[in-house]
Structure formats: structure tokens, C-alpha cells
């Protein structure tokens, strides 16, 4: 009876993200020795084009047409497990540039806040607040901030108790309003974008400076989006670089040693457990952050956290908020 022979298992190929880290490693060794570690890393990232970044999964590169209803847009975002998507102008010419082809980016947070503002009665502090028709017209004419419409009082989040969102998502108003109708709430017109020739350093600086969760890479020739680079994909790339020399200079340091800004307790962005759910989302959108800690009433202890990803449930499963504010 023959003896079975177990061959050695070949090592798994490196991930595309790890290969990018190896490219930084090679460049690191060629930098001028007098440069500081920070300057060396910046020089490495400046030498790598964003075209080298691995392409996003096809189910994350989603576009939504401008004549899509809000209800349909929410369904598309939810099905693909994404928080936002670029909006294509259905009236744009076939050979339009990317600036004319897209009108902005629609996101869960924007849909929730915009519809809430248009659906609530005028604030007592704003007796001449516009009605829904006026608000729609204002948005279509380029109002860039929901607060400019004057329909939001500081206590309006408290009106979201009970089955508010159940009624909202079942309304004809919600089903008939299109993505184009809320273009006034978009942050950019259409959005900040990178070309394939831009550097990795430029991409990192844009994500950081503008507190962006993702950034699009456009093909100028085709006038279309070539890739989507998300904040989480960059973090995943860095995680894949563990063990590389250049990364270990930072990866093994304590958070207190890397020069992060210190935030005192009175400046910490947070919500308290008895505040309305929507207040947390409004705060996140205003501060351009992805989540906030939930603090116990009358104390400083964190009892949980709430993130932008949770906002989708206000529209996709509103019944869970039936007994909550």
C-alpha cells in the first residue's frame, strides 16, 4: 500500500493592497537619507499614481440616475451596502465631460435630513418658512444648505417620535420626489475627483482635508468614473502593510506618540442617550464625521455608539423606531 505524500502548500499570493505597500517599500529605500521619516513617506506616496490603487468591487461602483425616485435610490444604496452614489444627469449629452455628466452625490444622510426638513411644519421661529413646493424649487435652483431654507428649528429632531418615518416612507411625497429634486442638499456640484495621473499623496490629502468617506477617480477621455477609493479601503491597504519596514516606523507606535490632536472632554462630539436618533445623524453630517459616542445621562460614560451606516434603517426599516424618538 503506497504512502500518501503531502506536498508543501505554496504561499498565497499577496493581495493587491499588499503589493502597493511593497511598492512603497521599494521607493522608501531610494529616498535621500537626510529626509525625515514623514518626508520620505510623503515622497513615496507622491511617486505612486492613484491608478495603481486596486479597483473597487464592481458592486460598489454604482451610479444613480437623476430621475430616480428617493424610494428607489434608498433601495439601490441598501442593496449594494453603500452609503452614497454619484448621480448621473439623464439630460446630459452622450459625449459630455464628467463635470456635465454628473450633478452630485446622493447619500443616506442627505435624503433623511432633506426630506425631514421639507415634511415638517414651519418652525415657530421661522413663520415665513417655505412650503414643500417652494423648498423643491429652491433646491432645484441651487440652494447649497438645508439650513438656508429656514425650515429647521433647533428642536425639530424631537418631532421624529413614534411612527414618523413609517408614514414618511409610505407617502406619495417620498415616492414621487426624485434625486434631482434634492440636488440642493448635495455637498459638491458635482464632486471632488481625481485623475488617474494624480498621486496617492493627493488622494490621501483630499480624504483628510475634506473629511471625505470616498473619492472618485475619473477618466477624462470617457467622462466617466474609473474607480472609487474609500476611506475603509485605504485603511485595509495599510493593514495589509503590517510587517513592512516603512510601515513599522508608525505601526508599532502608541496613539499618543503619533501626534494626533488631543480633544478635551468638553469639545468631544457626542450625543446623550435620551436625545432623538435623528439628532445624532444631523450632528454627524454637520461635522462630517462617521459616528459619535452615546453618553449616559448625567455622566461621562459611553454606553454605545451610532454611525452613519445606521441611518439607512430610518428609511429601510422605519418600524424599528416606532417606540423611539
C-alpha atoms as a PDB file:
ATOM      1  CA  UNK A   1       0.000   0.000   0.000  1.00  0.00           C
ATOM      2  CA  UNK A   2       1.569   3.241  -1.109  1.00  0.00           C
ATOM      3  CA  UNK A   3       2.290   6.039   1.314  1.00  0.00           C
ATOM      4  CA  UNK A   4       0.473   9.267   0.697  1.00  0.00           C
ATOM      5  CA  UNK A   5       2.755  12.205   0.088  1.00  0.00           C
ATOM      6  CA  UNK A   6       1.644  15.633   1.292  1.00  0.00           C
ATOM      7  CA  UNK A   7       3.292  18.342  -0.698  1.00  0.00           C
ATOM      8  CA  UNK A   8       4.194  21.741   0.746  1.00  0.00           C
ATOM      9  CA  UNK A   9       1.448  24.301   0.408  1.00  0.00           C
ATOM     10  CA  UNK A  10       2.519  27.167  -1.773  1.00  0.00           C
ATOM     11  CA  UNK A  11       2.291  30.583  -0.161  1.00  0.00           C
ATOM     12  CA  UNK A  12      -0.811  32.562  -1.038  1.00  0.00           C
ATOM     13  CA  UNK A  13      -0.187  35.415  -3.433  1.00  0.00           C
ATOM     14  CA  UNK A  14      -0.037  38.852  -1.927  1.00  0.00           C
ATOM     15  CA  UNK A  15      -3.190  40.942  -2.091  1.00  0.00           C
ATOM     16  CA  UNK A  16      -3.247  43.949  -4.456  1.00  0.00           C
ATOM     17  CA  UNK A  17      -3.159  46.202  -1.391  1.00  0.00           C
ATOM     18  CA  UNK A  18      -0.056  44.447  -0.046  1.00  0.00           C
ATOM     19  CA  UNK A  19       1.649  44.807  -3.435  1.00  0.00           C
ATOM     20  CA  UNK A  20       1.045  48.549  -3.209  1.00  0.00           C
ATOM     21  CA  UNK A  21       2.706  48.501   0.187  1.00  0.00           C
ATOM     22  CA  UNK A  22       5.690  46.666  -1.318  1.00  0.00           C
ATOM     23  CA  UNK A  23       5.929  49.409  -3.928  1.00  0.00           C
ATOM     24  CA  UNK A  24       6.221  51.951  -1.099  1.00  0.00           C
ATOM     25  CA  UNK A  25       8.881  49.722   0.495  1.00  0.00           C
ATOM     26  CA  UNK A  26      10.975  49.769  -2.694  1.00  0.00           C
ATOM     27  CA  UNK A  27      10.651  53.534  -3.013  1.00  0.00           C
ATOM     28  CA  UNK A  28      11.500  54.019   0.654  1.00  0.00           C
ATOM     29  CA  UNK A  29      14.978  52.617   0.176  1.00  0.00           C
ATOM     30  CA  UNK A  30      15.711  55.015  -2.696  1.00  0.00           C
ATOM     31  CA  UNK A  31      14.851  58.244  -0.830  1.00  0.00           C
ATOM     32  CA  UNK A  32      17.510  60.689   0.319  1.00  0.00           C
ATOM     33  CA  UNK A  33      18.855  59.549   3.709  1.00  0.00           C
ATOM     34  CA  UNK A  34      18.687  63.077   5.169  1.00  0.00           C
ATOM     35  CA  UNK A  35      14.907  63.200   4.799  1.00  0.00           C
ATOM     36  CA  UNK A  36      12.779  62.732   7.899  1.00  0.00           C
ATOM     37  CA  UNK A  37      10.548  59.632   8.028  1.00  0.00           C
ATOM     38  CA  UNK A  38       7.490  61.813   7.324  1.00  0.00           C
ATOM     39  CA  UNK A  39       9.123  63.457   4.301  1.00  0.00           C
ATOM     40  CA  UNK A  40      10.293  60.089   2.994  1.00  0.00           C
ATOM     41  CA  UNK A  41       6.794  58.659   3.236  1.00  0.00           C
ATOM     42  CA  UNK A  42       5.289  61.701   1.518  1.00  0.00           C
ATOM     43  CA  UNK A  43       7.842  61.371  -1.273  1.00  0.00           C
ATOM     44  CA  UNK A  44       6.948  57.698  -1.703  1.00  0.00           C
ATOM     45  CA  UNK A  45       3.213  58.412  -1.887  1.00  0.00           C
ATOM     46  CA  UNK A  46       3.862  61.302  -4.286  1.00  0.00           C
ATOM     47  CA  UNK A  47       5.601  58.858  -6.662  1.00  0.00           C
ATOM     48  CA  UNK A  48       2.655  56.432  -6.860  1.00  0.00           C
ATOM     49  CA  UNK A  49      -0.297  57.313  -9.144  1.00  0.00           C
ATOM     50  CA  UNK A  50      -3.832  56.588  -7.948  1.00  0.00           C
ATOM     51  CA  UNK A  51      -4.208  54.341 -10.986  1.00  0.00           C
ATOM     52  CA  UNK A  52      -2.082  51.842  -9.017  1.00  0.00           C
ATOM     53  CA  UNK A  53      -4.746  51.550  -6.316  1.00  0.00           C
ATOM     54  CA  UNK A  54      -6.747  48.313  -6.637  1.00  0.00           C
ATOM     55  CA  UNK A  55     -10.128  48.763  -8.356  1.00  0.00           C
ATOM     56  CA  UNK A  56     -13.195  48.778  -6.140  1.00  0.00           C
ATOM     57  CA  UNK A  57     -15.544  45.755  -6.331  1.00  0.00           C
ATOM     58  CA  UNK A  58     -17.994  46.180  -9.199  1.00  0.00           C
ATOM     59  CA  UNK A  59     -20.958  46.219  -6.819  1.00  0.00           C
ATOM     60  CA  UNK A  60     -19.547  49.356  -5.162  1.00  0.00           C
ATOM     61  CA  UNK A  61     -19.176  51.361  -8.371  1.00  0.00           C
ATOM     62  CA  UNK A  62     -22.851  52.252  -8.598  1.00  0.00           C
ATOM     63  CA  UNK A  63     -24.426  55.235 -10.355  1.00  0.00           C
ATOM     64  CA  UNK A  64     -27.951  56.538  -9.780  1.00  0.00           C
ATOM     65  CA  UNK A  65     -29.894  58.417 -12.474  1.00  0.00           C
ATOM     66  CA  UNK A  66     -31.179  61.883 -11.661  1.00  0.00           C
ATOM     67  CA  UNK A  67     -34.811  60.910 -12.389  1.00  0.00           C
ATOM     68  CA  UNK A  68     -34.700  58.046  -9.865  1.00  0.00           C
ATOM     69  CA  UNK A  69     -37.174  58.439  -7.004  1.00  0.00           C
ATOM     70  CA  UNK A  70     -35.878  58.750  -3.456  1.00  0.00           C
ATOM     71  CA  UNK A  71     -37.535  55.442  -2.586  1.00  0.00           C
ATOM     72  CA  UNK A  72     -35.681  53.710  -5.441  1.00  0.00           C
ATOM     73  CA  UNK A  73     -32.394  55.433  -4.563  1.00  0.00           C
ATOM     74  CA  UNK A  74     -32.648  54.200  -0.970  1.00  0.00           C
ATOM     75  CA  UNK A  75     -33.306  50.664  -2.217  1.00  0.00           C
ATOM     76  CA  UNK A  76     -30.261  50.785  -4.530  1.00  0.00           C
ATOM     77  CA  UNK A  77     -27.945  52.070  -1.796  1.00  0.00           C
ATOM     78  CA  UNK A  78     -29.251  49.494   0.655  1.00  0.00           C
ATOM     79  CA  UNK A  79     -28.990  46.536  -1.737  1.00  0.00           C
ATOM     80  CA  UNK A  80     -25.352  47.350  -2.561  1.00  0.00           C
ATOM     81  CA  UNK A  81     -24.470  48.136   1.075  1.00  0.00           C
ATOM     82  CA  UNK A  82     -23.099  51.578   0.230  1.00  0.00           C
ATOM     83  CA  UNK A  83     -23.805  54.930   1.869  1.00  0.00           C
ATOM     84  CA  UNK A  84     -23.668  57.132  -1.224  1.00  0.00           C
ATOM     85  CA  UNK A  85     -23.514  57.085  -5.014  1.00  0.00           C
ATOM     86  CA  UNK A  86     -22.833  59.590  -7.827  1.00  0.00           C
ATOM     87  CA  UNK A  87     -25.891  60.940  -9.649  1.00  0.00           C
ATOM     88  CA  UNK A  88     -25.907  60.885 -13.463  1.00  0.00           C
ATOM     89  CA  UNK A  89     -27.813  63.656 -15.232  1.00  0.00           C
ATOM     90  CA  UNK A  90     -30.221  61.880 -17.579  1.00  0.00           C
ATOM     91  CA  UNK A  91     -30.326  65.008 -19.750  1.00  0.00           C
ATOM     92  CA  UNK A  92     -26.550  65.170 -20.248  1.00  0.00           C
ATOM     93  CA  UNK A  93     -25.193  64.710 -23.760  1.00  0.00           C
ATOM     94  CA  UNK A  94     -23.645  61.358 -24.637  1.00  0.00           C
ATOM     95  CA  UNK A  95     -20.219  62.974 -25.078  1.00  0.00           C
ATOM     96  CA  UNK A  96     -20.496  65.208 -22.003  1.00  0.00           C
ATOM     97  CA  UNK A  97     -17.475  65.728 -19.774  1.00  0.00           C
ATOM     98  CA  UNK A  98     -17.635  64.237 -16.290  1.00  0.00           C
ATOM     99  CA  UNK A  99     -18.444  67.663 -14.823  1.00  0.00           C
ATOM    100  CA  UNK A 100     -21.545  67.898 -17.036  1.00  0.00           C
ATOM    101  CA  UNK A 101     -22.405  64.208 -16.804  1.00  0.00           C
ATOM    102  CA  UNK A 102     -22.804  64.127 -13.011  1.00  0.00           C
ATOM    103  CA  UNK A 103     -24.809  66.504 -10.806  1.00  0.00           C
ATOM    104  CA  UNK A 104     -23.573  65.369  -7.398  1.00  0.00           C
ATOM    105  CA  UNK A 105     -23.566  62.542  -4.872  1.00  0.00           C
ATOM    106  CA  UNK A 106     -26.697  61.272  -3.127  1.00  0.00           C
ATOM    107  CA  UNK A 107     -26.281  59.834   0.375  1.00  0.00           C
ATOM    108  CA  UNK A 108     -28.462  58.325   3.074  1.00  0.00           C
ATOM    109  CA  UNK A 109     -27.801  61.204   5.456  1.00  0.00           C
ATOM    110  CA  UNK A 110     -28.769  63.802   2.864  1.00  0.00           C
ATOM    111  CA  UNK A 111     -32.010  62.027   1.969  1.00  0.00           C
ATOM    112  CA  UNK A 112     -33.116  61.705   5.586  1.00  0.00           C
ATOM    113  CA  UNK A 113     -32.311  65.267   6.582  1.00  0.00           C
ATOM    114  CA  UNK A 114     -33.663  66.860   3.394  1.00  0.00           C
ATOM    115  CA  UNK A 115     -36.982  65.037   3.424  1.00  0.00           C
ATOM    116  CA  UNK A 116     -37.466  65.676   7.112  1.00  0.00           C
ATOM    117  CA  UNK A 117     -36.960  69.396   6.633  1.00  0.00           C
ATOM    118  CA  UNK A 118     -39.379  69.582   3.737  1.00  0.00           C
ATOM    119  CA  UNK A 119     -42.017  67.488   5.506  1.00  0.00           C
ATOM    120  CA  UNK A 120     -42.150  69.248   8.859  1.00  0.00           C
ATOM    121  CA  UNK A 121     -44.415  72.240   9.590  1.00  0.00           C
ATOM    122  CA  UNK A 122     -42.839  75.709   9.662  1.00  0.00           C
ATOM    123  CA  UNK A 123     -40.815  76.429  12.764  1.00  0.00           C
ATOM    124  CA  UNK A 124     -42.329  78.999  15.149  1.00  0.00           C
ATOM    125  CA  UNK A 125     -39.022  80.805  14.854  1.00  0.00           C
ATOM    126  CA  UNK A 126     -39.405  80.948  11.077  1.00  0.00           C
ATOM    127  CA  UNK A 127     -43.039  81.956  10.414  1.00  0.00           C
ATOM    128  CA  UNK A 128     -42.319  82.572   6.747  1.00  0.00           C
ATOM    129  CA  UNK A 129     -40.681  79.231   6.114  1.00  0.00           C
ATOM    130  CA  UNK A 130     -41.213  77.915   2.595  1.00  0.00           C
ATOM    131  CA  UNK A 131     -43.678  75.128   1.939  1.00  0.00           C
ATOM    132  CA  UNK A 132     -42.705  71.922   0.175  1.00  0.00           C
ATOM    133  CA  UNK A 133     -43.216  73.341  -3.314  1.00  0.00           C
ATOM    134  CA  UNK A 134     -41.062  76.359  -2.525  1.00  0.00           C
ATOM    135  CA  UNK A 135     -38.411  74.147  -0.975  1.00  0.00           C
ATOM    136  CA  UNK A 136     -38.308  71.951  -4.063  1.00  0.00           C
ATOM    137  CA  UNK A 137     -37.915  74.986  -6.279  1.00  0.00           C
ATOM    138  CA  UNK A 138     -35.195  76.404  -4.046  1.00  0.00           C
ATOM    139  CA  UNK A 139     -33.266  73.151  -4.127  1.00  0.00           C
ATOM    140  CA  UNK A 140     -33.573  72.954  -7.891  1.00  0.00           C
ATOM    141  CA  UNK A 141     -32.158  76.476  -8.113  1.00  0.00           C
ATOM    142  CA  UNK A 142     -29.009  75.522  -6.255  1.00  0.00           C
ATOM    143  CA  UNK A 143     -29.570  76.164  -2.548  1.00  0.00           C
ATOM    144  CA  UNK A 144     -26.468  74.572  -1.109  1.00  0.00           C
ATOM    145  CA  UNK A 145     -27.509  74.220   2.516  1.00  0.00           C
ATOM    146  CA  UNK A 146     -30.694  72.838   4.011  1.00  0.00           C
ATOM    147  CA  UNK A 147     -30.436  75.390   6.767  1.00  0.00           C
ATOM    148  CA  UNK A 148     -30.734  78.169   4.152  1.00  0.00           C
ATOM    149  CA  UNK A 149     -34.314  77.032   3.530  1.00  0.00           C
ATOM    150  CA  UNK A 150     -35.226  78.197   7.041  1.00  0.00           C
ATOM    151  CA  UNK A 151     -37.450  75.237   7.887  1.00  0.00           C
ATOM    152  CA  UNK A 152     -35.246  73.743  10.588  1.00  0.00           C
ATOM    153  CA  UNK A 153     -35.628  74.836  14.162  1.00  0.00           C
ATOM    154  CA  UNK A 154     -33.060  73.590  16.697  1.00  0.00           C
ATOM    155  CA  UNK A 155     -35.636  71.366  18.392  1.00  0.00           C
ATOM    156  CA  UNK A 156     -37.102  69.835  15.233  1.00  0.00           C
ATOM    157  CA  UNK A 157     -35.383  66.491  15.768  1.00  0.00           C
ATOM    158  CA  UNK A 158     -37.799  65.904  18.632  1.00  0.00           C
ATOM    159  CA  UNK A 159     -40.680  65.627  16.154  1.00  0.00           C
ATOM    160  CA  UNK A 160     -39.436  62.262  14.893  1.00  0.00           C
ATOM    161  CA  UNK A 161     -41.063  60.169  17.595  1.00  0.00           C
ATOM    162  CA  UNK A 162     -43.458  57.289  17.049  1.00  0.00           C
ATOM    163  CA  UNK A 163     -44.144  56.123  13.519  1.00  0.00           C
ATOM    164  CA  UNK A 164     -42.985  59.298  11.780  1.00  0.00           C
ATOM    165  CA  UNK A 165     -40.648  57.529   9.372  1.00  0.00           C
ATOM    166  CA  UNK A 166     -43.177  54.781   8.706  1.00  0.00           C
ATOM    167  CA  UNK A 167     -45.649  57.394   7.464  1.00  0.00           C
ATOM    168  CA  UNK A 168     -42.920  59.261   5.609  1.00  0.00           C
ATOM    169  CA  UNK A 169     -41.644  56.285   3.609  1.00  0.00           C
ATOM    170  CA  UNK A 170     -45.206  55.266   2.723  1.00  0.00           C
ATOM    171  CA  UNK A 171     -46.145  58.747   1.463  1.00  0.00           C
ATOM    172  CA  UNK A 172     -46.564  59.735  -2.172  1.00  0.00           C
ATOM    173  CA  UNK A 173     -44.305  62.692  -1.487  1.00  0.00           C
ATOM    174  CA  UNK A 174     -41.429  60.337  -0.699  1.00  0.00           C
ATOM    175  CA  UNK A 175     -42.179  58.052  -3.652  1.00  0.00           C
ATOM    176  CA  UNK A 176     -42.548  60.872  -6.203  1.00  0.00           C
ATOM    177  CA  UNK A 177     -39.634  63.108  -5.231  1.00  0.00           C
ATOM    178  CA  UNK A 178     -36.620  62.447  -7.455  1.00  0.00           C
ATOM    179  CA  UNK A 179     -32.927  62.542  -6.686  1.00  0.00           C
ATOM    180  CA  UNK A 180     -32.621  65.682  -8.837  1.00  0.00           C
ATOM    181  CA  UNK A 181     -35.167  67.409  -6.588  1.00  0.00           C
ATOM    182  CA  UNK A 182     -32.803  67.226  -3.613  1.00  0.00           C
ATOM    183  CA  UNK A 183     -29.703  68.345  -5.521  1.00  0.00           C
ATOM    184  CA  UNK A 184     -29.644  71.476  -3.374  1.00  0.00           C
ATOM    185  CA  UNK A 185     -28.537  69.304  -0.449  1.00  0.00           C
ATOM    186  CA  UNK A 186     -25.535  67.844  -2.268  1.00  0.00           C
ATOM    187  CA  UNK A 187     -22.200  68.856  -0.775  1.00  0.00           C
ATOM    188  CA  UNK A 188     -20.455  69.337  -4.109  1.00  0.00           C
ATOM    189  CA  UNK A 189     -21.504  70.204  -7.650  1.00  0.00           C
ATOM    190  CA  UNK A 190     -20.829  67.594  -8.793  1.00  0.00           C
ATOM    191  CA  UNK A 191     -17.982  66.283  -6.588  1.00  0.00           C
ATOM    192  CA  UNK A 192     -14.240  66.430  -5.975  1.00  0.00           C
ATOM    193  CA  UNK A 193     -12.483  63.958  -8.239  1.00  0.00           C
ATOM    194  CA  UNK A 194      -9.040  62.658  -9.077  1.00  0.00           C
ATOM    195  CA  UNK A 195      -7.478  61.880 -12.424  1.00  0.00           C
ATOM    196  CA  UNK A 196      -5.647  58.593 -12.858  1.00  0.00           C
ATOM    197  CA  UNK A 197      -2.349  60.511 -13.048  1.00  0.00           C
ATOM    198  CA  UNK A 198      -2.826  62.186  -9.657  1.00  0.00           C
ATOM    199  CA  UNK A 199      -0.656  60.895  -6.863  1.00  0.00           C
ATOM    200  CA  UNK A 200      -1.507  58.694  -3.921  1.00  0.00           C
ATOM    201  CA  UNK A 201      -0.454  61.582  -1.670  1.00  0.00           C
ATOM    202  CA  UNK A 202      -3.001  63.918  -3.275  1.00  0.00           C
ATOM    203  CA  UNK A 203      -5.710  61.317  -2.690  1.00  0.00           C
ATOM    204  CA  UNK A 204      -4.799  60.977   0.994  1.00  0.00           C
ATOM    205  CA  UNK A 205      -4.723  64.750   1.472  1.00  0.00           C
ATOM    206  CA  UNK A 206      -8.175  65.197  -0.082  1.00  0.00           C
ATOM    207  CA  UNK A 207      -9.707  62.425   2.026  1.00  0.00           C
ATOM    208  CA  UNK A 208      -8.225  64.003   5.136  1.00  0.00           C
ATOM    209  CA  UNK A 209      -8.728  67.725   4.485  1.00  0.00           C
ATOM    210  CA  UNK A 210     -12.343  67.474   3.352  1.00  0.00           C
ATOM    211  CA  UNK A 211     -13.304  64.626   5.699  1.00  0.00           C
ATOM    212  CA  UNK A 212     -14.456  62.555   2.742  1.00  0.00           C
ATOM    213  CA  UNK A 213     -15.530  58.930   3.102  1.00  0.00           C
ATOM    214  CA  UNK A 214     -14.709  58.200  -0.554  1.00  0.00           C
ATOM    215  CA  UNK A 215     -13.286  59.872  -3.626  1.00  0.00           C
ATOM    216  CA  UNK A 216     -13.844  59.175  -7.322  1.00  0.00           C
ATOM    217  CA  UNK A 217     -11.167  58.675  -9.949  1.00  0.00           C
ATOM    218  CA  UNK A 218     -12.405  59.863 -13.349  1.00  0.00           C
ATOM    219  CA  UNK A 219     -11.380  59.010 -16.883  1.00  0.00           C
ATOM    220  CA  UNK A 220     -11.225  62.378 -18.648  1.00  0.00           C
ATOM    221  CA  UNK A 221     -11.382  60.758 -22.087  1.00  0.00           C
ATOM    222  CA  UNK A 222     -14.554  58.785 -21.351  1.00  0.00           C
ATOM    223  CA  UNK A 223     -16.005  61.354 -18.974  1.00  0.00           C
ATOM    224  CA  UNK A 224     -16.868  58.576 -16.538  1.00  0.00           C
ATOM    225  CA  UNK A 225     -15.816  57.257 -13.144  1.00  0.00           C
ATOM    226  CA  UNK A 226     -12.850  54.888 -13.370  1.00  0.00           C
ATOM    227  CA  UNK A 227     -12.606  53.868  -9.711  1.00  0.00           C
ATOM    228  CA  UNK A 228     -13.900  54.647  -6.231  1.00  0.00           C
ATOM    229  CA  UNK A 229     -11.366  54.832  -3.404  1.00  0.00           C
ATOM    230  CA  UNK A 230     -12.975  54.653   0.026  1.00  0.00           C
ATOM    231  CA  UNK A 231     -11.612  55.545   3.417  1.00  0.00           C
ATOM    232  CA  UNK A 232     -12.081  51.948   4.531  1.00  0.00           C
ATOM    233  CA  UNK A 233     -10.177  50.579   1.512  1.00  0.00           C
ATOM    234  CA  UNK A 234      -7.211  52.817   2.367  1.00  0.00           C
ATOM    235  CA  UNK A 235      -7.286  51.557   5.959  1.00  0.00           C
ATOM    236  CA  UNK A 236      -7.437  47.985   4.637  1.00  0.00           C
ATOM    237  CA  UNK A 237      -4.393  48.689   2.471  1.00  0.00           C
ATOM    238  CA  UNK A 238      -2.458  49.950   5.497  1.00  0.00           C
ATOM    239  CA  UNK A 239      -3.465  46.863   7.490  1.00  0.00           C
ATOM    240  CA  UNK A 240      -2.020  44.719   4.696  1.00  0.00           C
ATOM    241  CA  UNK A 241       1.310  46.517   5.083  1.00  0.00           C
ATOM    242  CA  UNK A 242       1.948  45.191   8.592  1.00  0.00           C
ATOM    243  CA  UNK A 243       5.485  43.846   8.818  1.00  0.00           C
ATOM    244  CA  UNK A 244       6.944  46.098   6.132  1.00  0.00           C
ATOM    245  CA  UNK A 245       9.843  48.266   7.270  1.00  0.00           C
ATOM    246  CA  UNK A 246       8.350  51.626   6.320  1.00  0.00           C
ATOM    247  CA  UNK A 247       5.036  50.827   8.000  1.00  0.00           C
ATOM    248  CA  UNK A 248       6.558  49.555  11.224  1.00  0.00           C
ATOM    249  CA  UNK A 249       8.009  53.030  11.830  1.00  0.00           C
ATOM    250  CA  UNK A 250       4.423  54.087  12.605  1.00  0.00           C
ATOM    251  CA  UNK A 251       2.507  50.880  13.075  1.00  0.00           C
ATOM    252  CA  UNK A 252       4.259  49.953  16.313  1.00  0.00           C
ATOM    253  CA  UNK A 253       3.848  53.356  17.939  1.00  0.00           C
ATOM    254  CA  UNK A 254       1.259  54.186  20.550  1.00  0.00           C
ATOM    255  CA  UNK A 255      -1.536  56.548  19.536  1.00  0.00           C
ATOM    256  CA  UNK A 256      -0.131  59.103  21.970  1.00  0.00           C
ATOM    257  CA  UNK A 257       3.173  59.065  20.056  1.00  0.00           C
ATOM    258  CA  UNK A 258       1.961  59.808  16.516  1.00  0.00           C
ATOM    259  CA  UNK A 259       0.989  63.446  17.051  1.00  0.00           C
ATOM    260  CA  UNK A 260      -2.774  63.118  16.878  1.00  0.00           C
ATOM    261  CA  UNK A 261      -4.606  66.229  18.142  1.00  0.00           C
ATOM    262  CA  UNK A 262      -5.899  65.928  21.691  1.00  0.00           C
ATOM    263  CA  UNK A 263      -9.593  66.605  22.287  1.00  0.00           C
ATOM    264  CA  UNK A 264     -10.775  67.668  25.712  1.00  0.00           C
ATOM    265  CA  UNK A 265     -13.982  66.257  27.149  1.00  0.00           C
ATOM    266  CA  UNK A 266     -15.919  69.475  26.663  1.00  0.00           C
ATOM    267  CA  UNK A 267     -15.063  69.513  22.935  1.00  0.00           C
ATOM    268  CA  UNK A 268     -15.819  65.857  22.293  1.00  0.00           C
ATOM    269  CA  UNK A 269     -18.564  65.428  19.695  1.00  0.00           C
ATOM    270  CA  UNK A 270     -21.198  63.225  21.322  1.00  0.00           C
ATOM    271  CA  UNK A 271     -24.908  62.660  21.936  1.00  0.00           C
ATOM    272  CA  UNK A 272     -26.720  61.654  25.115  1.00  0.00           C
ATOM    273  CA  UNK A 273     -28.846  58.528  25.342  1.00  0.00           C
ATOM    274  CA  UNK A 274     -32.123  60.458  25.745  1.00  0.00           C
ATOM    275  CA  UNK A 275     -31.617  62.587  22.627  1.00  0.00           C
ATOM    276  CA  UNK A 276     -33.616  61.845  19.443  1.00  0.00           C
ATOM    277  CA  UNK A 277     -31.983  59.432  16.996  1.00  0.00           C
ATOM    278  CA  UNK A 278     -32.058  61.989  14.218  1.00  0.00           C
ATOM    279  CA  UNK A 279     -30.069  64.461  16.298  1.00  0.00           C
ATOM    280  CA  UNK A 280     -27.078  62.119  16.120  1.00  0.00           C
ATOM    281  CA  UNK A 281     -27.288  61.925  12.330  1.00  0.00           C
ATOM    282  CA  UNK A 282     -27.640  65.699  11.979  1.00  0.00           C
ATOM    283  CA  UNK A 283     -24.561  66.167  14.124  1.00  0.00           C
ATOM    284  CA  UNK A 284     -22.546  63.656  12.103  1.00  0.00           C
ATOM    285  CA  UNK A 285     -23.498  65.309   8.840  1.00  0.00           C
ATOM    286  CA  UNK A 286     -22.764  68.818  10.108  1.00  0.00           C
ATOM    287  CA  UNK A 287     -19.352  67.815  11.478  1.00  0.00           C
ATOM    288  CA  UNK A 288     -18.565  65.468   8.543  1.00  0.00           C
ATOM    289  CA  UNK A 289     -17.791  62.532  10.838  1.00  0.00           C
ATOM    290  CA  UNK A 290     -18.765  58.876  10.566  1.00  0.00           C
ATOM    291  CA  UNK A 291     -20.005  58.207  14.076  1.00  0.00           C
ATOM    292  CA  UNK A 292     -20.498  59.551  17.588  1.00  0.00           C
ATOM    293  CA  UNK A 293     -20.385  58.010  21.068  1.00  0.00           C
ATOM    294  CA  UNK A 294     -23.631  57.797  23.019  1.00  0.00           C
ATOM    295  CA  UNK A 295     -23.122  59.049  26.587  1.00  0.00           C
ATOM    296  CA  UNK A 296     -25.195  58.111  29.625  1.00  0.00           C
ATOM    297  CA  UNK A 297     -27.453  60.829  31.010  1.00  0.00           C
ATOM    298  CA  UNK A 298     -25.873  62.877  33.724  1.00  0.00           C
ATOM    299  CA  UNK A 299     -22.456  61.299  33.331  1.00  0.00           C
ATOM    300  CA  UNK A 300     -19.461  60.797  31.061  1.00  0.00           C
ATOM    301  CA  UNK A 301     -19.634  57.049  30.492  1.00  0.00           C
ATOM    302  CA  UNK A 302     -20.117  55.848  26.916  1.00  0.00           C
ATOM    303  CA  UNK A 303     -22.966  53.352  26.632  1.00  0.00           C
ATOM    304  CA  UNK A 304     -22.706  52.771  22.888  1.00  0.00           C
ATOM    305  CA  UNK A 305     -22.105  54.448  19.561  1.00  0.00           C
ATOM    306  CA  UNK A 306     -24.111  55.296  16.450  1.00  0.00           C
ATOM    307  CA  UNK A 307     -22.698  55.627  12.937  1.00  0.00           C
ATOM    308  CA  UNK A 308     -23.735  56.897   9.524  1.00  0.00           C
ATOM    309  CA  UNK A 309     -24.261  53.329   8.407  1.00  0.00           C
ATOM    310  CA  UNK A 310     -27.113  53.068  10.924  1.00  0.00           C
ATOM    311  CA  UNK A 311     -29.003  55.893   9.227  1.00  0.00           C
ATOM    312  CA  UNK A 312     -30.227  53.619   6.436  1.00  0.00           C
ATOM    313  CA  UNK A 313     -32.550  51.865   8.880  1.00  0.00           C
ATOM    314  CA  UNK A 314     -34.588  55.064   9.291  1.00  0.00           C
ATOM    315  CA  UNK A 315     -35.680  54.557   5.683  1.00  0.00           C
ATOM    316  CA  UNK A 316     -35.357  50.812   5.076  1.00  0.00           C
ATOM    317  CA  UNK A 317     -36.773  49.558   8.385  1.00  0.00           C
ATOM    318  CA  UNK A 318     -38.581  52.536   9.981  1.00  0.00           C
ATOM    319  CA  UNK A 319     -40.758  50.245  12.082  1.00  0.00           C
ATOM    320  CA  UNK A 320     -37.872  49.643  14.477  1.00  0.00           C
ATOM    321  CA  UNK A 321     -38.156  53.280  15.586  1.00  0.00           C
ATOM    322  CA  UNK A 322     -41.888  53.056  16.245  1.00  0.00           C
ATOM    323  CA  UNK A 323     -41.457  53.227  20.010  1.00  0.00           C
ATOM    324  CA  UNK A 324     -38.448  55.516  19.976  1.00  0.00           C
ATOM    325  CA  UNK A 325     -37.722  59.092  19.075  1.00  0.00           C
END
